[in-house]
Amino acid sequence: MPTVTVQPSGITFAAAPGQTVMAAAQAAGLRWPTVCGGNGDCLVCHVSVLAGPQRLSEPSAAEAAAVRNLTGSQGGRGEHVRLACQAGVRGDVVVEKRGVRRKRIPTGQEEPGG
């Protein structure tokens, strides 16, 4: 199963082939920054792909247009910027995204599977 590594936190999680980065993170019990909930509208979930951009699904025309102003010198980010809610995982990748963290479990409740 492919893995996604998130920098700078170093968090790693598995992704089913074709599952989006954000959906895989949420399935692994992580909180991924988003406003629109994964509809591709808010751009808050965007990531810089540090390694393995070819191991993500091809961006749709709508996604490519949405991130166009987030890349390169204009947006101050790297060449490979993707929306985590749209990018399907096809192999191991490393992305940069601040704010990704484990979901808090309310006091007195067990962690799932535990």
PDB file of N, CA and C in Angstrom:
ATOM      1  N   MET A   1       0.847  -1.171   0.000  1.00  0.00           N
ATOM      2  CA  MET A   1       0.000   0.000   0.000  1.00  0.00           C
ATOM      3  C   MET A   1       0.901   1.246   0.000  1.00  0.00           C
ATOM      4  N   PRO A   2       0.597   2.228  -0.821  1.00  0.00           N
ATOM      5  CA  PRO A   2       1.411   3.441  -0.880  1.00  0.00           C
ATOM      6  C   PRO A   2       1.387   4.195   0.451  1.00  0.00           C
ATOM      7  N   THR A   3       2.459   4.949   0.715  1.00  0.00           N
ATOM      8  CA  THR A   3       2.506   5.770   1.910  1.00  0.00           C
ATOM      9  C   THR A   3       2.668   7.240   1.530  1.00  0.00           C
ATOM     10  N   VAL A   4       2.105   8.076   2.394  1.00  0.00           N
ATOM     11  CA  VAL A   4       2.232   9.524   2.253  1.00  0.00           C
ATOM     12  C   VAL A   4       2.982  10.010   3.483  1.00  0.00           C
ATOM     13  N   THR A   5       4.031  10.778   3.272  1.00  0.00           N
ATOM     14  CA  THR A   5       4.772  11.396   4.367  1.00  0.00           C
ATOM     15  C   THR A   5       4.531  12.889   4.293  1.00  0.00           C
ATOM     16  N   VAL A   6       4.171  13.469   5.440  1.00  0.00           N
ATOM     17  CA  VAL A   6       3.882  14.893   5.518  1.00  0.00           C
ATOM     18  C   VAL A   6       5.021  15.590   6.248  1.00  0.00           C
ATOM     19  N   GLN A   7       5.601  16.580   5.607  1.00  0.00           N
ATOM     20  CA  GLN A   7       6.654  17.387   6.227  1.00  0.00           C
ATOM     21  C   GLN A   7       6.072  18.745   6.596  1.00  0.00           C
ATOM     22  N   PRO A   8       6.501  19.435   7.575  1.00  0.00           N
ATOM     23  CA  PRO A   8       7.677  19.151   8.382  1.00  0.00           C
ATOM     24  C   PRO A   8       7.427  18.234   9.570  1.00  0.00           C
ATOM     25  N   SER A   9       6.195  17.762   9.755  1.00  0.00           N
ATOM     26  CA  SER A   9       5.867  16.961  10.943  1.00  0.00           C
ATOM     27  C   SER A   9       6.454  15.558  10.914  1.00  0.00           C
ATOM     28  N   GLY A  10       6.688  15.003   9.716  1.00  0.00           N
ATOM     29  CA  GLY A  10       7.188  13.644   9.607  1.00  0.00           C
ATOM     30  C   GLY A  10       6.112  12.583   9.755  1.00  0.00           C
ATOM     31  N   ILE A  11       4.847  12.986   9.820  1.00  0.00           N
ATOM     32  CA  ILE A  11       3.736  12.037   9.919  1.00  0.00           C
ATOM     33  C   ILE A  11       3.674  11.213   8.641  1.00  0.00           C
ATOM     34  N   THR A  12       3.500   9.908   8.788  1.00  0.00           N
ATOM     35  CA  THR A  12       3.372   8.996   7.650  1.00  0.00           C
ATOM     36  C   THR A  12       2.098   8.181   7.817  1.00  0.00           C
ATOM     37  N   PHE A  13       1.390   7.955   6.719  1.00  0.00           N
ATOM     38  CA  PHE A  13       0.186   7.139   6.754  1.00  0.00           C
ATOM     39  C   PHE A  13       0.024   6.424   5.421  1.00  0.00           C
ATOM     40  N   ALA A  14      -0.750   5.347   5.459  1.00  0.00           N
ATOM     41  CA  ALA A  14      -1.003   4.545   4.256  1.00  0.00           C
ATOM     42  C   ALA A  14      -2.181   5.125   3.490  1.00  0.00           C
ATOM     43  N   ALA A  15      -2.175   4.897   2.190  1.00  0.00           N
ATOM     44  CA  ALA A  15      -3.275   5.325   1.329  1.00  0.00           C
ATOM     45  C   ALA A  15      -3.620   4.181   0.391  1.00  0.00           C
ATOM     46  N   ALA A  16      -4.887   3.891   0.282  1.00  0.00           N
ATOM     47  CA  ALA A  16      -5.324   2.896  -0.699  1.00  0.00           C
ATOM     48  C   ALA A  16      -5.072   3.474  -2.086  1.00  0.00           C
ATOM     49  N   PRO A  17      -4.668   2.663  -3.054  1.00  0.00           N
ATOM     50  CA  PRO A  17      -4.420   3.181  -4.395  1.00  0.00           C
ATOM     51  C   PRO A  17      -5.631   3.960  -4.917  1.00  0.00           C
ATOM     52  N   GLY A  18      -5.386   5.202  -5.353  1.00  0.00           N
ATOM     53  CA  GLY A  18      -6.441   6.052  -5.878  1.00  0.00           C
ATOM     54  C   GLY A  18      -7.117   6.926  -4.833  1.00  0.00           C
ATOM     55  N   GLN A  19      -6.941   6.598  -3.557  1.00  0.00           N
ATOM     56  CA  GLN A  19      -7.528   7.405  -2.490  1.00  0.00           C
ATOM     57  C   GLN A  19      -6.831   8.761  -2.465  1.00  0.00           C
ATOM     58  N   THR A  20      -7.569   9.829  -2.212  1.00  0.00           N
ATOM     59  CA  THR A  20      -6.927  11.140  -2.178  1.00  0.00           C
ATOM     60  C   THR A  20      -6.058  11.265  -0.931  1.00  0.00           C
ATOM     61  N   VAL A  21      -5.091  12.158  -1.005  1.00  0.00           N
ATOM     62  CA  VAL A  21      -4.193  12.401   0.122  1.00  0.00           C
ATOM     63  C   VAL A  21      -5.007  12.755   1.362  1.00  0.00           C
ATOM     64  N   MET A  22      -5.956  13.664   1.213  1.00  0.00           N
ATOM     65  CA  MET A  22      -6.745  14.120   2.360  1.00  0.00           C
ATOM     66  C   MET A  22      -7.628  13.009   2.914  1.00  0.00           C
ATOM     67  N   ALA A  23      -8.273  12.245   2.063  1.00  0.00           N
ATOM     68  CA  ALA A  23      -9.134  11.151   2.527  1.00  0.00           C
ATOM     69  C   ALA A  23      -8.316  10.101   3.262  1.00  0.00           C
ATOM     70  N   ALA A  24      -7.130   9.795   2.766  1.00  0.00           N
ATOM     71  CA  ALA A  24      -6.264   8.819   3.424  1.00  0.00           C
ATOM     72  C   ALA A  24      -5.818   9.335   4.796  1.00  0.00           C
ATOM     73  N   ALA A  25      -5.502  10.621   4.873  1.00  0.00           N
ATOM     74  CA  ALA A  25      -5.099  11.219   6.148  1.00  0.00           C
ATOM     75  C   ALA A  25      -6.247  11.143   7.154  1.00  0.00           C
ATOM     76  N   GLN A  26      -7.425  11.488   6.710  1.00  0.00           N
ATOM     77  CA  GLN A  26      -8.582  11.448   7.602  1.00  0.00           C
ATOM     78  C   GLN A  26      -8.886  10.020   8.046  1.00  0.00           C
ATOM     79  N   ALA A  27      -8.743   9.055   7.139  1.00  0.00           N
ATOM     80  CA  ALA A  27      -8.961   7.649   7.491  1.00  0.00           C
ATOM     81  C   ALA A  27      -7.934   7.165   8.508  1.00  0.00           C
ATOM     82  N   ALA A  28      -6.755   7.797   8.509  1.00  0.00           N
ATOM     83  CA  ALA A  28      -5.693   7.436   9.448  1.00  0.00           C
ATOM     84  C   ALA A  28      -5.826   8.178  10.781  1.00  0.00           C
ATOM     85  N   GLY A  29      -6.912   8.945  10.943  1.00  0.00           N
ATOM     86  CA  GLY A  29      -7.142   9.645  12.199  1.00  0.00           C
ATOM     87  C   GLY A  29      -6.462  10.993  12.300  1.00  0.00           C
ATOM     88  N   LEU A  30      -6.186  11.597  11.150  1.00  0.00           N
ATOM     89  CA  LEU A  30      -5.523  12.896  11.142  1.00  0.00           C
ATOM     90  C   LEU A  30      -6.510  14.008  10.813  1.00  0.00           C
ATOM     91  N   ARG A  31      -6.211  15.177  11.321  1.00  0.00           N
ATOM     92  CA  ARG A  31      -6.965  16.376  10.979  1.00  0.00           C
ATOM     93  C   ARG A  31      -6.202  17.061   9.855  1.00  0.00           C
ATOM     94  N   TRP A  32      -6.852  17.277   8.722  1.00  0.00           N
ATOM     95  CA  TRP A  32      -6.233  17.935   7.580  1.00  0.00           C
ATOM     96  C   TRP A  32      -6.899  19.299   7.402  1.00  0.00           C
ATOM     97  N   PRO A  33      -6.131  20.380   7.359  1.00  0.00           N
ATOM     98  CA  PRO A  33      -6.732  21.707   7.216  1.00  0.00           C
ATOM     99  C   PRO A  33      -7.588  21.805   5.952  1.00  0.00           C
ATOM    100  N   THR A  34      -8.828  22.228   6.119  1.00  0.00           N
ATOM    101  CA  THR A  34      -9.758  22.438   5.013  1.00  0.00           C
ATOM    102  C   THR A  34     -10.892  23.327   5.500  1.00  0.00           C
ATOM    103  N   VAL A  35     -11.503  24.033   4.588  1.00  0.00           N
ATOM    104  CA  VAL A  35     -12.678  24.833   4.899  1.00  0.00           C
ATOM    105  C   VAL A  35     -13.895  24.233   4.199  1.00  0.00           C
ATOM    106  N   CYS A  36     -13.706  23.785   2.957  1.00  0.00           N
ATOM    107  CA  CYS A  36     -14.832  23.288   2.163  1.00  0.00           C
ATOM    108  C   CYS A  36     -15.114  21.806   2.381  1.00  0.00           C
ATOM    109  N   GLY A  37     -14.275  21.126   3.172  1.00  0.00           N
ATOM    110  CA  GLY A  37     -14.521  19.715   3.466  1.00  0.00           C
ATOM    111  C   GLY A  37     -14.114  18.765   2.362  1.00  0.00           C
ATOM    112  N   GLY A  38     -13.308  19.220   1.441  1.00  0.00           N
ATOM    113  CA  GLY A  38     -12.816  18.324   0.396  1.00  0.00           C
ATOM    114  C   GLY A  38     -13.498  18.466  -0.943  1.00  0.00           C
ATOM    115  N   ASN A  39     -14.160  19.588  -1.177  1.00  0.00           N
ATOM    116  CA  ASN A  39     -14.837  19.809  -2.455  1.00  0.00           C
ATOM    117  C   ASN A  39     -13.955  20.467  -3.515  1.00  0.00           C
ATOM    118  N   GLY A  40     -12.741  20.861  -3.133  1.00  0.00           N
ATOM    119  CA  GLY A  40     -11.838  21.493  -4.087  1.00  0.00           C
ATOM    120  C   GLY A  40     -12.123  22.959  -4.314  1.00  0.00           C
ATOM    121  N   ASP A  41     -12.910  23.573  -3.428  1.00  0.00           N
ATOM    122  CA  ASP A  41     -13.298  24.968  -3.611  1.00  0.00           C
ATOM    123  C   ASP A  41     -12.433  25.973  -2.857  1.00  0.00           C
ATOM    124  N   CYS A  42     -11.950  25.611  -1.668  1.00  0.00           N
ATOM    125  CA  CYS A  42     -11.319  26.600  -0.784  1.00  0.00           C
ATOM    126  C   CYS A  42      -9.807  26.730  -0.962  1.00  0.00           C
ATOM    127  N   LEU A  43      -9.147  25.736  -1.494  1.00  0.00           N
ATOM    128  CA  LEU A  43      -7.696  25.681  -1.706  1.00  0.00           C
ATOM    129  C   LEU A  43      -6.893  25.558  -0.411  1.00  0.00           C
ATOM    130  N   VAL A  44      -7.539  25.507   0.735  1.00  0.00           N
ATOM    131  CA  VAL A  44      -6.837  25.437   2.016  1.00  0.00           C
ATOM    132  C   VAL A  44      -6.047  24.140   2.153  1.00  0.00           C
ATOM    133  N   CYS A  45      -6.475  23.078   1.537  1.00  0.00           N
ATOM    134  CA  CYS A  45      -5.831  21.769   1.682  1.00  0.00           C
ATOM    135  C   CYS A  45      -4.588  21.614   0.810  1.00  0.00           C
ATOM    136  N   HIS A  46      -4.227  22.624   0.031  1.00  0.00           N
ATOM    137  CA  HIS A  46      -3.135  22.466  -0.937  1.00  0.00           C
ATOM    138  C   HIS A  46      -1.827  22.045  -0.272  1.00  0.00           C
ATOM    139  N   VAL A  47      -1.046  21.295  -1.035  1.00  0.00           N
ATOM    140  CA  VAL A  47       0.256  20.811  -0.576  1.00  0.00           C
ATOM    141  C   VAL A  47       1.298  21.106  -1.638  1.00  0.00           C
ATOM    142  N   SER A  48       2.547  21.217  -1.201  1.00  0.00           N
ATOM    143  CA  SER A  48       3.680  21.210  -2.114  1.00  0.00           C
ATOM    144  C   SER A  48       4.174  19.774  -2.142  1.00  0.00           C
ATOM    145  N   VAL A  49       4.308  19.198  -3.319  1.00  0.00           N
ATOM    146  CA  VAL A  49       4.776  17.826  -3.444  1.00  0.00           C
ATOM    147  C   VAL A  49       6.296  17.867  -3.516  1.00  0.00           C
ATOM    148  N   LEU A  50       6.939  17.331  -2.477  1.00  0.00           N
ATOM    149  CA  LEU A  50       8.393  17.380  -2.373  1.00  0.00           C
ATOM    150  C   LEU A  50       9.058  16.206  -3.071  1.00  0.00           C
ATOM    151  N   ALA A  51       8.383  15.060  -3.114  1.00  0.00           N
ATOM    152  CA  ALA A  51       8.934  13.866  -3.766  1.00  0.00           C
ATOM    153  C   ALA A  51       7.790  13.020  -4.304  1.00  0.00           C
ATOM    154  N   GLY A  52       7.953  12.539  -5.524  1.00  0.00           N
ATOM    155  CA  GLY A  52       6.992  11.632  -6.136  1.00  0.00           C
ATOM    156  C   GLY A  52       5.776  12.270  -6.771  1.00  0.00           C
ATOM    157  N   PRO A  53       5.887  13.455  -7.373  1.00  0.00           N
ATOM    158  CA  PRO A  53       4.690  14.056  -7.978  1.00  0.00           C
ATOM    159  C   PRO A  53       4.069  13.169  -9.050  1.00  0.00           C
ATOM    160  N   GLN A  54       4.888  12.365  -9.703  1.00  0.00           N
ATOM    161  CA  GLN A  54       4.385  11.461 -10.741  1.00  0.00           C
ATOM    162  C   GLN A  54       3.595  10.295 -10.142  1.00  0.00           C
ATOM    163  N   ARG A  55       3.653  10.137  -8.830  1.00  0.00           N
ATOM    164  CA  ARG A  55       2.925   9.055  -8.158  1.00  0.00           C
ATOM    165  C   ARG A  55       1.555   9.510  -7.654  1.00  0.00           C
ATOM    166  N   LEU A  56       1.127  10.687  -8.117  1.00  0.00           N
ATOM    167  CA  LEU A  56      -0.217  11.173  -7.843  1.00  0.00           C
ATOM    168  C   LEU A  56      -0.992  11.180  -9.149  1.00  0.00           C
ATOM    169  N   SER A  57      -2.314  11.081  -9.052  1.00  0.00           N
ATOM    170  CA  SER A  57      -3.142  11.132 -10.247  1.00  0.00           C
ATOM    171  C   SER A  57      -2.919  12.456 -10.967  1.00  0.00           C
ATOM    172  N   GLU A  58      -3.191  12.472 -12.255  1.00  0.00           N
ATOM    173  CA  GLU A  58      -3.065  13.707 -13.026  1.00  0.00           C
ATOM    174  C   GLU A  58      -4.107  14.706 -12.515  1.00  0.00           C
ATOM    175  N   PRO A  59      -3.733  15.982 -12.404  1.00  0.00           N
ATOM    176  CA  PRO A  59      -4.720  16.968 -11.961  1.00  0.00           C
ATOM    177  C   PRO A  59      -5.776  17.206 -13.040  1.00  0.00           C
ATOM    178  N   SER A  60      -7.007  17.395 -12.599  1.00  0.00           N
ATOM    179  CA  SER A  60      -8.061  17.761 -13.545  1.00  0.00           C
ATOM    180  C   SER A  60      -7.796  19.192 -14.013  1.00  0.00           C
ATOM    181  N   ALA A  61      -8.468  19.597 -15.064  1.00  0.00           N
ATOM    182  CA  ALA A  61      -8.313  20.968 -15.569  1.00  0.00           C
ATOM    183  C   ALA A  61      -8.731  21.968 -14.494  1.00  0.00           C
ATOM    184  N   ALA A  62      -9.789  21.652 -13.750  1.00  0.00           N
ATOM    185  CA  ALA A  62     -10.266  22.551 -12.696  1.00  0.00           C
ATOM    186  C   ALA A  62      -9.238  22.685 -11.577  1.00  0.00           C
ATOM    187  N   GLU A  63      -8.616  21.571 -11.173  1.00  0.00           N
ATOM    188  CA  GLU A  63      -7.598  21.636 -10.123  1.00  0.00           C
ATOM    189  C   GLU A  63      -6.380  22.415 -10.614  1.00  0.00           C
ATOM    190  N   ALA A  64      -5.930  22.140 -11.828  1.00  0.00           N
ATOM    191  CA  ALA A  64      -4.762  22.838 -12.381  1.00  0.00           C
ATOM    192  C   ALA A  64      -5.004  24.345 -12.413  1.00  0.00           C
ATOM    193  N   ALA A  65      -6.194  24.748 -12.804  1.00  0.00           N
ATOM    194  CA  ALA A  65      -6.522  26.173 -12.842  1.00  0.00           C
ATOM    195  C   ALA A  65      -6.568  26.754 -11.431  1.00  0.00           C
ATOM    196  N   ALA A  66      -7.098  25.991 -10.488  1.00  0.00           N
ATOM    197  CA  ALA A  66      -7.239  26.473  -9.113  1.00  0.00           C
ATOM    198  C   ALA A  66      -5.900  26.726  -8.447  1.00  0.00           C
ATOM    199  N   VAL A  67      -4.901  25.882  -8.709  1.00  0.00           N
ATOM    200  CA  VAL A  67      -3.606  26.019  -8.035  1.00  0.00           C
ATOM    201  C   VAL A  67      -2.595  26.854  -8.833  1.00  0.00           C
ATOM    202  N   ARG A  68      -2.975  27.267 -10.011  1.00  0.00           N
ATOM    203  CA  ARG A  68      -2.041  28.001 -10.876  1.00  0.00           C
ATOM    204  C   ARG A  68      -1.390  29.186 -10.154  1.00  0.00           C
ATOM    205  N   ASN A  69      -2.134  29.940  -9.388  1.00  0.00           N
ATOM    206  CA  ASN A  69      -1.578  31.114  -8.704  1.00  0.00           C
ATOM    207  C   ASN A  69      -0.898  30.766  -7.382  1.00  0.00           C
ATOM    208  N   LEU A  70      -0.877  29.491  -7.008  1.00  0.00           N
ATOM    209  CA  LEU A  70      -0.208  29.070  -5.779  1.00  0.00           C
ATOM    210  C   LEU A  70       1.203  28.565  -6.043  1.00  0.00           C
ATOM    211  N   THR A  71       1.600  28.429  -7.301  1.00  0.00           N
ATOM    212  CA  THR A  71       2.882  27.820  -7.639  1.00  0.00           C
ATOM    213  C   THR A  71       3.945  28.848  -7.979  1.00  0.00           C
ATOM    214  N   GLY A  72       5.174  28.386  -7.952  1.00  0.00           N
ATOM    215  CA  GLY A  72       6.299  29.184  -8.410  1.00  0.00           C
ATOM    216  C   GLY A  72       6.512  30.467  -7.631  1.00  0.00           C
ATOM    217  N   SER A  73       7.108  31.445  -8.287  1.00  0.00           N
ATOM    218  CA  SER A  73       7.489  32.683  -7.612  1.00  0.00           C
ATOM    219  C   SER A  73       6.286  33.501  -7.170  1.00  0.00           C
ATOM    220  N   GLN A  74       5.167  33.411  -7.889  1.00  0.00           N
ATOM    221  CA  GLN A  74       3.992  34.196  -7.502  1.00  0.00           C
ATOM    222  C   GLN A  74       3.431  33.729  -6.162  1.00  0.00           C
ATOM    223  N   GLY A  75       3.273  32.432  -5.996  1.00  0.00           N
ATOM    224  CA  GLY A  75       2.698  31.910  -4.765  1.00  0.00           C
ATOM    225  C   GLY A  75       3.734  31.574  -3.711  1.00  0.00           C
ATOM    226  N   GLY A  76       5.005  31.591  -4.102  1.00  0.00           N
ATOM    227  CA  GLY A  76       6.060  31.298  -3.147  1.00  0.00           C
ATOM    228  C   GLY A  76       6.186  29.828  -2.805  1.00  0.00           C
ATOM    229  N   ARG A  77       5.529  28.956  -3.553  1.00  0.00           N
ATOM    230  CA  ARG A  77       5.597  27.530  -3.297  1.00  0.00           C
ATOM    231  C   ARG A  77       6.341  26.852  -4.438  1.00  0.00           C
ATOM    232  N   GLY A  78       6.570  25.572  -4.282  1.00  0.00           N
ATOM    233  CA  GLY A  78       7.316  24.831  -5.295  1.00  0.00           C
ATOM    234  C   GLY A  78       6.562  24.659  -6.592  1.00  0.00           C
ATOM    235  N   GLU A  79       7.195  23.949  -7.495  1.00  0.00           N
ATOM    236  CA  GLU A  79       6.634  23.716  -8.823  1.00  0.00           C
ATOM    237  C   GLU A  79       5.408  22.812  -8.777  1.00  0.00           C
ATOM    238  N   HIS A  80       5.412  21.852  -7.860  1.00  0.00           N
ATOM    239  CA  HIS A  80       4.342  20.849  -7.812  1.00  0.00           C
ATOM    240  C   HIS A  80       3.409  21.126  -6.642  1.00  0.00           C
ATOM    241  N   VAL A  81       2.359  21.882  -6.904  1.00  0.00           N
ATOM    242  CA  VAL A  81       1.344  22.168  -5.893  1.00  0.00           C
ATOM    243  C   VAL A  81       0.070  21.449  -6.303  1.00  0.00           C
ATOM    244  N   ARG A  82      -0.518  20.739  -5.346  1.00  0.00           N
ATOM    245  CA  ARG A  82      -1.742  19.977  -5.610  1.00  0.00           C
ATOM    246  C   ARG A  82      -2.751  20.226  -4.501  1.00  0.00           C
ATOM    247  N   LEU A  83      -4.008  19.952  -4.780  1.00  0.00           N
ATOM    248  CA  LEU A  83      -5.035  19.968  -3.746  1.00  0.00           C
ATOM    249  C   LEU A  83      -5.093  18.570  -3.151  1.00  0.00           C
ATOM    250  N   ALA A  84      -4.905  18.471  -1.849  1.00  0.00           N
ATOM    251  CA  ALA A  84      -4.893  17.166  -1.186  1.00  0.00           C
ATOM    252  C   ALA A  84      -6.234  16.455  -1.316  1.00  0.00           C
ATOM    253  N   CYS A  85      -7.306  17.210  -1.491  1.00  0.00           N
ATOM    254  CA  CYS A  85      -8.628  16.603  -1.626  1.00  0.00           C
ATOM    255  C   CYS A  85      -8.883  16.069  -3.033  1.00  0.00           C
ATOM    256  N   GLN A  86      -8.004  16.379  -3.968  1.00  0.00           N
ATOM    257  CA  GLN A  86      -8.185  15.948  -5.359  1.00  0.00           C
ATOM    258  C   GLN A  86      -7.102  14.991  -5.838  1.00  0.00           C
ATOM    259  N   ALA A  87      -5.925  15.034  -5.240  1.00  0.00           N
ATOM    260  CA  ALA A  87      -4.777  14.252  -5.703  1.00  0.00           C
ATOM    261  C   ALA A  87      -4.876  12.809  -5.227  1.00  0.00           C
ATOM    262  N   GLY A  88      -5.110  11.895  -6.141  1.00  0.00           N
ATOM    263  CA  GLY A  88      -5.174  10.471  -5.830  1.00  0.00           C
ATOM    264  C   GLY A  88      -3.777   9.880  -5.732  1.00  0.00           C
ATOM    265  N   VAL A  89      -3.557   9.063  -4.733  1.00  0.00           N
ATOM    266  CA  VAL A  89      -2.240   8.475  -4.477  1.00  0.00           C
ATOM    267  C   VAL A  89      -2.074   7.197  -5.300  1.00  0.00           C
ATOM    268  N   ARG A  90      -0.962   7.109  -6.054  1.00  0.00           N
ATOM    269  CA  ARG A  90      -0.643   5.917  -6.846  1.00  0.00           C
ATOM    270  C   ARG A  90       0.664   5.274  -6.423  1.00  0.00           C
ATOM    271  N   GLY A  91       1.364   5.910  -5.494  1.00  0.00           N
ATOM    272  CA  GLY A  91       2.650   5.408  -5.004  1.00  0.00           C
ATOM    273  C   GLY A  91       3.112   6.301  -3.869  1.00  0.00           C
ATOM    274  N   ASP A  92       4.268   5.986  -3.306  1.00  0.00           N
ATOM    275  CA  ASP A  92       4.784   6.746  -2.173  1.00  0.00           C
ATOM    276  C   ASP A  92       5.068   8.197  -2.568  1.00  0.00           C
ATOM    277  N   VAL A  93       4.620   9.123  -1.724  1.00  0.00           N
ATOM    278  CA  VAL A  93       4.850  10.545  -1.960  1.00  0.00           C
ATOM    279  C   VAL A  93       5.230  11.242  -0.658  1.00  0.00           C
ATOM    280  N   VAL A  94       5.906  12.380  -0.811  1.00  0.00           N
ATOM    281  CA  VAL A  94       6.233  13.248   0.323  1.00  0.00           C
ATOM    282  C   VAL A  94       5.657  14.614  -0.008  1.00  0.00           C
ATOM    283  N   VAL A  95       4.843  15.133   0.911  1.00  0.00           N
ATOM    284  CA  VAL A  95       4.229  16.440   0.705  1.00  0.00           C
ATOM    285  C   VAL A  95       4.558  17.360   1.871  1.00  0.00           C
ATOM    286  N   GLU A  96       4.459  18.643   1.629  1.00  0.00           N
ATOM    287  CA  GLU A  96       4.652  19.613   2.698  1.00  0.00           C
ATOM    288  C   GLU A  96       3.310  20.257   3.009  1.00  0.00           C
ATOM    289  N   LYS A  97       2.905  20.165   4.278  1.00  0.00           N
ATOM    290  CA  LYS A  97       1.659  20.790   4.723  1.00  0.00           C
ATOM    291  C   LYS A  97       1.739  21.027   6.218  1.00  0.00           C
ATOM    292  N   ARG A  98       1.626  22.258   6.619  1.00  0.00           N
ATOM    293  CA  ARG A  98       1.610  22.581   8.046  1.00  0.00           C
ATOM    294  C   ARG A  98       0.184  22.446   8.568  1.00  0.00           C
ATOM    295  N   GLY A  99       0.063  22.104   9.837  1.00  0.00           N
ATOM    296  CA  GLY A  99      -1.254  22.013  10.465  1.00  0.00           C
ATOM    297  C   GLY A  99      -1.865  20.632  10.473  1.00  0.00           C
ATOM    298  N   VAL A 100      -1.209  19.654   9.856  1.00  0.00           N
ATOM    299  CA  VAL A 100      -1.713  18.277   9.892  1.00  0.00           C
ATOM    300  C   VAL A 100      -1.342  17.701  11.250  1.00  0.00           C
ATOM    301  N   ARG A 101      -2.327  17.131  11.924  1.00  0.00           N
ATOM    302  CA  ARG A 101      -2.051  16.559  13.245  1.00  0.00           C
ATOM    303  C   ARG A 101      -3.059  15.476  13.577  1.00  0.00           C
ATOM    304  N   ARG A 102      -2.721  14.695  14.575  1.00  0.00           N
ATOM    305  CA  ARG A 102      -3.627  13.653  15.051  1.00  0.00           C
ATOM    306  C   ARG A 102      -4.862  14.306  15.650  1.00  0.00           C
ATOM    307  N   LYS A 103      -6.017  13.693  15.430  1.00  0.00           N
ATOM    308  CA  LYS A 103      -7.247  14.207  16.045  1.00  0.00           C
ATOM    309  C   LYS A 103      -7.183  13.957  17.537  1.00  0.00           C
ATOM    310  N   ARG A 104      -7.685  14.897  18.277  1.00  0.00           N
ATOM    311  CA  ARG A 104      -7.737  14.730  19.730  1.00  0.00           C
ATOM    312  C   ARG A 104      -8.863  13.783  20.088  1.00  0.00           C
ATOM    313  N   ILE A 105      -8.582  12.932  21.041  1.00  0.00           N
ATOM    314  CA  ILE A 105      -9.590  11.995  21.528  1.00  0.00           C
ATOM    315  C   ILE A 105     -10.081  12.530  22.871  1.00  0.00           C
ATOM    316  N   PRO A 106     -11.387  12.741  23.008  1.00  0.00           N
ATOM    317  CA  PRO A 106     -11.913  13.265  24.269  1.00  0.00           C
ATOM    318  C   PRO A 106     -11.490  12.374  25.456  1.00  0.00           C
ATOM    319  N   THR A 107     -11.206  13.010  26.559  1.00  0.00           N
ATOM    320  CA  THR A 107     -10.806  12.297  27.768  1.00  0.00           C
ATOM    321  C   THR A 107     -11.843  11.238  28.125  1.00  0.00           C
ATOM    322  N   GLY A 108     -11.366  10.061  28.459  1.00  0.00           N
ATOM    323  CA  GLY A 108     -12.261   8.971  28.859  1.00  0.00           C
ATOM    324  C   GLY A 108     -12.709   8.089  27.714  1.00  0.00           C
ATOM    325  N   GLN A 109     -12.326   8.416  26.492  1.00  0.00           N
ATOM    326  CA  GLN A 109     -12.683   7.576  25.349  1.00  0.00           C
ATOM    327  C   GLN A 109     -11.427   6.870  24.849  1.00  0.00           C
ATOM    328  N   GLU A 110     -11.641   5.662  24.340  1.00  0.00           N
ATOM    329  CA  GLU A 110     -10.519   4.901  23.796  1.00  0.00           C
ATOM    330  C   GLU A 110     -10.288   5.290  22.354  1.00  0.00           C
ATOM    331  N   GLU A 111      -9.039   5.114  21.940  1.00  0.00           N
ATOM    332  CA  GLU A 111      -8.691   5.307  20.552  1.00  0.00           C
ATOM    333  C   GLU A 111      -9.326   4.172  19.739  1.00  0.00           C
ATOM    334  N   PRO A 112      -9.778   4.458  18.495  1.00  0.00           N
ATOM    335  CA  PRO A 112     -10.354   3.390  17.679  1.00  0.00           C
ATOM    336  C   PRO A 112      -9.416   2.195  17.567  1.00  0.00           C
ATOM    337  N   GLY A 113      -9.974   1.016  17.722  1.00  0.00           N
ATOM    338  CA  GLY A 113      -9.203  -0.206  17.612  1.00  0.00           C
ATOM    339  C   GLY A 113      -8.421  -0.517  18.885  1.00  0.00           C
ATOM    340  N   GLY A 114      -8.632   0.256  19.925  1.00  0.00           N
ATOM    341  CA  GLY A 114      -7.811   0.060  21.091  1.00  0.00           C
ATOM    342  C   GLY A 114      -8.608  -0.172  22.289  1.00  0.00           C
TER     343      GLY A 114
END
